Amino acid sequence: MLQITPQMRVLVAVEPADFRKGIDGLARLCRERLEEDPFQGTVFVFRNRRGTAIKVLVYDGQGFWLCQKRLSTGRFRHWPSSPNDAAASLAAHELLVLLAAGDPRRTGAPPDWRPVRMSA
């Protein structure tokens, strides 16, 4: 079973991917377009051109997991974007909102890290 934890690094491909690709094709896309090593345990998320399906690729130390979700109706409307990069980074809780076809920017969760102020 694949479990998404807060410690996992999550990268979402900004541009749509060809969903005829399997594990090897998506791993190649990670190396070439996203410039990331797919064997590092990063969770990679891809969307099809129509925005009706997503694929998640992750390496767990023994092998790859490839999961797909296709919506029965509607589209994944709120897809992360990055003006200069091929991938956008998400927190684990934001990925869970995205997988539920929600807007990950509107989770209302506090930032992952805040500086601690020391009182005098």
C-alpha atoms as a PDB file:
ATOM      1  CA  MET A   1       0.000   0.000   0.000  1.00  0.00           C
ATOM      2  CA  LEU A   2       1.224   3.459  -0.887  1.00  0.00           C
ATOM      3  CA  GLN A   3       1.075   5.988   1.943  1.00  0.00           C
ATOM      4  CA  ILE A   4       1.772   9.700   1.518  1.00  0.00           C
ATOM      5  CA  THR A   5       3.578  11.121   4.553  1.00  0.00           C
ATOM      6  CA  PRO A   6       4.456  14.738   5.404  1.00  0.00           C
ATOM      7  CA  GLN A   7       8.150  13.932   4.970  1.00  0.00           C
ATOM      8  CA  MET A   8       7.731  12.990   1.300  1.00  0.00           C
ATOM      9  CA  ARG A   9       8.738  15.403  -1.418  1.00  0.00           C
ATOM     10  CA  VAL A  10       5.893  15.911  -3.914  1.00  0.00           C
ATOM     11  CA  LEU A  11       6.449  17.314  -7.411  1.00  0.00           C
ATOM     12  CA  VAL A  12       3.572  18.000  -9.802  1.00  0.00           C
ATOM     13  CA  ALA A  13       4.353  18.210 -13.519  1.00  0.00           C
ATOM     14  CA  VAL A  14       2.928  21.496 -14.782  1.00  0.00           C
ATOM     15  CA  GLU A  15       2.445  20.358 -18.388  1.00  0.00           C
ATOM     16  CA  PRO A  16       0.191  17.409 -19.326  1.00  0.00           C
ATOM     17  CA  ALA A  17       1.808  14.010 -19.889  1.00  0.00           C
ATOM     18  CA  ASP A  18       1.091  11.357 -22.490  1.00  0.00           C
ATOM     19  CA  PHE A  19      -0.920   8.794 -20.518  1.00  0.00           C
ATOM     20  CA  ARG A  20       0.079   5.963 -22.825  1.00  0.00           C
ATOM     21  CA  LYS A  21       3.376   6.029 -20.922  1.00  0.00           C
ATOM     22  CA  GLY A  22       3.922   3.479 -18.202  1.00  0.00           C
ATOM     23  CA  ILE A  23       6.487   3.374 -15.412  1.00  0.00           C
ATOM     24  CA  ASP A  24       9.549   3.513 -17.662  1.00  0.00           C
ATOM     25  CA  GLY A  25       8.197   6.348 -19.815  1.00  0.00           C
ATOM     26  CA  LEU A  26       7.190   8.461 -16.824  1.00  0.00           C
ATOM     27  CA  ALA A  27      10.520   7.787 -15.075  1.00  0.00           C
ATOM     28  CA  ARG A  28      12.277   9.008 -18.238  1.00  0.00           C
ATOM     29  CA  LEU A  29      10.052  12.108 -18.193  1.00  0.00           C
ATOM     30  CA  CYS A  30      11.133  12.729 -14.574  1.00  0.00           C
ATOM     31  CA  ARG A  31      14.800  12.621 -15.579  1.00  0.00           C
ATOM     32  CA  GLU A  32      14.572  14.558 -18.842  1.00  0.00           C
ATOM     33  CA  ARG A  33      11.828  17.160 -18.430  1.00  0.00           C
ATOM     34  CA  LEU A  34      11.632  17.570 -14.652  1.00  0.00           C
ATOM     35  CA  GLU A  35      15.396  17.026 -14.168  1.00  0.00           C
ATOM     36  CA  GLU A  36      14.834  14.847 -11.094  1.00  0.00           C
ATOM     37  CA  ASP A  37      15.997  11.341 -10.188  1.00  0.00           C
ATOM     38  CA  PRO A  38      12.927   9.076  -9.949  1.00  0.00           C
ATOM     39  CA  PHE A  39      14.817   6.667  -7.637  1.00  0.00           C
ATOM     40  CA  GLN A  40      15.031   9.193  -4.756  1.00  0.00           C
ATOM     41  CA  GLY A  41      11.545   8.539  -3.346  1.00  0.00           C
ATOM     42  CA  THR A  42       9.985  11.746  -4.647  1.00  0.00           C
ATOM     43  CA  VAL A  43       6.266  11.495  -5.412  1.00  0.00           C
ATOM     44  CA  PHE A  44       5.677  12.591  -9.025  1.00  0.00           C
ATOM     45  CA  VAL A  45       2.181  13.585 -10.149  1.00  0.00           C
ATOM     46  CA  PHE A  46       1.115  13.878 -13.791  1.00  0.00           C
ATOM     47  CA  ARG A  47      -2.132  14.984 -15.454  1.00  0.00           C
ATOM     48  CA  ASN A  48      -3.523  13.980 -18.830  1.00  0.00           C
ATOM     49  CA  ARG A  49      -4.228  16.581 -21.529  1.00  0.00           C
ATOM     50  CA  ARG A  50      -7.991  16.737 -20.869  1.00  0.00           C
ATOM     51  CA  GLY A  51      -7.495  17.070 -17.116  1.00  0.00           C
ATOM     52  CA  THR A  52      -9.730  14.107 -16.307  1.00  0.00           C
ATOM     53  CA  ALA A  53      -7.051  11.769 -14.936  1.00  0.00           C
ATOM     54  CA  ILE A  54      -3.841  11.842 -12.920  1.00  0.00           C
ATOM     55  CA  LYS A  55      -0.996   9.382 -12.428  1.00  0.00           C
ATOM     56  CA  VAL A  56       1.268   9.173  -9.384  1.00  0.00           C
ATOM     57  CA  LEU A  57       4.731   7.624  -9.683  1.00  0.00           C
ATOM     58  CA  VAL A  58       6.933   6.882  -6.665  1.00  0.00           C
ATOM     59  CA  TYR A  59       9.870   4.588  -5.924  1.00  0.00           C
ATOM     60  CA  ASP A  60       9.695   2.899  -2.493  1.00  0.00           C
ATOM     61  CA  GLY A  61      13.182   1.365  -2.360  1.00  0.00           C
ATOM     62  CA  GLN A  62      12.120  -1.976  -3.871  1.00  0.00           C
ATOM     63  CA  GLY A  63      10.275  -0.864  -6.962  1.00  0.00           C
ATOM     64  CA  PHE A  64       7.953   1.677  -8.493  1.00  0.00           C
ATOM     65  CA  TRP A  65       4.329   2.354  -7.653  1.00  0.00           C
ATOM     66  CA  LEU A  66       2.175   3.722 -10.460  1.00  0.00           C
ATOM     67  CA  CYS A  67      -1.308   4.793  -9.431  1.00  0.00           C
ATOM     68  CA  GLN A  68      -3.972   6.329 -11.636  1.00  0.00           C
ATOM     69  CA  LYS A  69      -7.193   8.140 -10.798  1.00  0.00           C
ATOM     70  CA  ARG A  70      -9.746   9.003 -13.463  1.00  0.00           C
ATOM     71  CA  LEU A  71     -12.695  11.181 -12.528  1.00  0.00           C
ATOM     72  CA  SER A  72     -16.095   9.822 -13.511  1.00  0.00           C
ATOM     73  CA  THR A  73     -17.313  13.370 -14.149  1.00  0.00           C
ATOM     74  CA  GLY A  74     -15.574  16.726 -14.293  1.00  0.00           C
ATOM     75  CA  ARG A  75     -11.922  17.679 -14.415  1.00  0.00           C
ATOM     76  CA  PHE A  76      -9.030  18.492 -12.140  1.00  0.00           C
ATOM     77  CA  ARG A  77      -9.589  22.256 -12.419  1.00  0.00           C
ATOM     78  CA  HIS A  78      -7.037  23.480  -9.912  1.00  0.00           C
ATOM     79  CA  TRP A  79      -3.697  22.335 -11.276  1.00  0.00           C
ATOM     80  CA  PRO A  80      -0.495  23.847  -9.851  1.00  0.00           C
ATOM     81  CA  SER A  81       1.523  26.051 -12.162  1.00  0.00           C
ATOM     82  CA  SER A  82       5.045  27.375 -12.161  1.00  0.00           C
ATOM     83  CA  PRO A  83       6.072  30.122 -14.601  1.00  0.00           C
ATOM     84  CA  ASN A  84       9.743  29.107 -14.863  1.00  0.00           C
ATOM     85  CA  ASP A  85       9.798  25.456 -13.824  1.00  0.00           C
ATOM     86  CA  ALA A  86       8.489  22.213 -15.304  1.00  0.00           C
ATOM     87  CA  ALA A  87       7.222  21.099 -11.884  1.00  0.00           C
ATOM     88  CA  ALA A  88       5.563  22.658  -8.862  1.00  0.00           C
ATOM     89  CA  SER A  89       6.217  21.467  -5.322  1.00  0.00           C
ATOM     90  CA  LEU A  90       3.335  20.534  -3.019  1.00  0.00           C
ATOM     91  CA  ALA A  91       3.074  19.510   0.622  1.00  0.00           C
ATOM     92  CA  ALA A  92       1.590  16.085   1.393  1.00  0.00           C
ATOM     93  CA  HIS A  93      -1.720  17.518   2.618  1.00  0.00           C
ATOM     94  CA  GLU A  94      -1.986  19.616  -0.560  1.00  0.00           C
ATOM     95  CA  LEU A  95      -1.517  16.477  -2.660  1.00  0.00           C
ATOM     96  CA  LEU A  96      -4.408  14.811  -0.837  1.00  0.00           C
ATOM     97  CA  VAL A  97      -6.637  17.800  -1.658  1.00  0.00           C
ATOM     98  CA  LEU A  98      -5.496  17.676  -5.294  1.00  0.00           C
ATOM     99  CA  LEU A  99      -6.293  13.941  -5.471  1.00  0.00           C
ATOM    100  CA  ALA A 100      -9.828  14.788  -4.302  1.00  0.00           C
ATOM    101  CA  ALA A 101     -10.119  17.259  -7.244  1.00  0.00           C
ATOM    102  CA  GLY A 102      -9.845  20.242  -4.898  1.00  0.00           C
ATOM    103  CA  ASP A 103      -7.713  23.370  -4.890  1.00  0.00           C
ATOM    104  CA  PRO A 104      -4.456  22.672  -3.002  1.00  0.00           C
ATOM    105  CA  ARG A 105      -3.786  26.403  -2.539  1.00  0.00           C
ATOM    106  CA  ARG A 106      -6.912  26.787  -0.409  1.00  0.00           C
ATOM    107  CA  THR A 107      -6.285  24.193   2.283  1.00  0.00           C
ATOM    108  CA  GLY A 108      -6.082  26.819   5.015  1.00  0.00           C
ATOM    109  CA  ALA A 109      -3.259  24.890   6.664  1.00  0.00           C
ATOM    110  CA  PRO A 110      -0.424  26.776   8.359  1.00  0.00           C
ATOM    111  CA  PRO A 111       2.964  26.861   6.613  1.00  0.00           C
ATOM    112  CA  ASP A 112       5.174  23.784   7.044  1.00  0.00           C
ATOM    113  CA  TRP A 113       7.807  25.758   8.939  1.00  0.00           C
ATOM    114  CA  ARG A 114       7.610  28.963  10.909  1.00  0.00           C
ATOM    115  CA  PRO A 115      10.459  30.649  12.762  1.00  0.00           C
ATOM    116  CA  VAL A 116      10.144  30.481  16.519  1.00  0.00           C
ATOM    117  CA  ARG A 117      10.332  33.831  18.253  1.00  0.00           C
ATOM    118  CA  MET A 118      12.232  33.927  21.497  1.00  0.00           C
ATOM    119  CA  SER A 119      10.838  36.276  24.103  1.00  0.00           C
ATOM    120  CA  ALA A 120      13.262  38.283  26.209  1.00  0.00           C
END
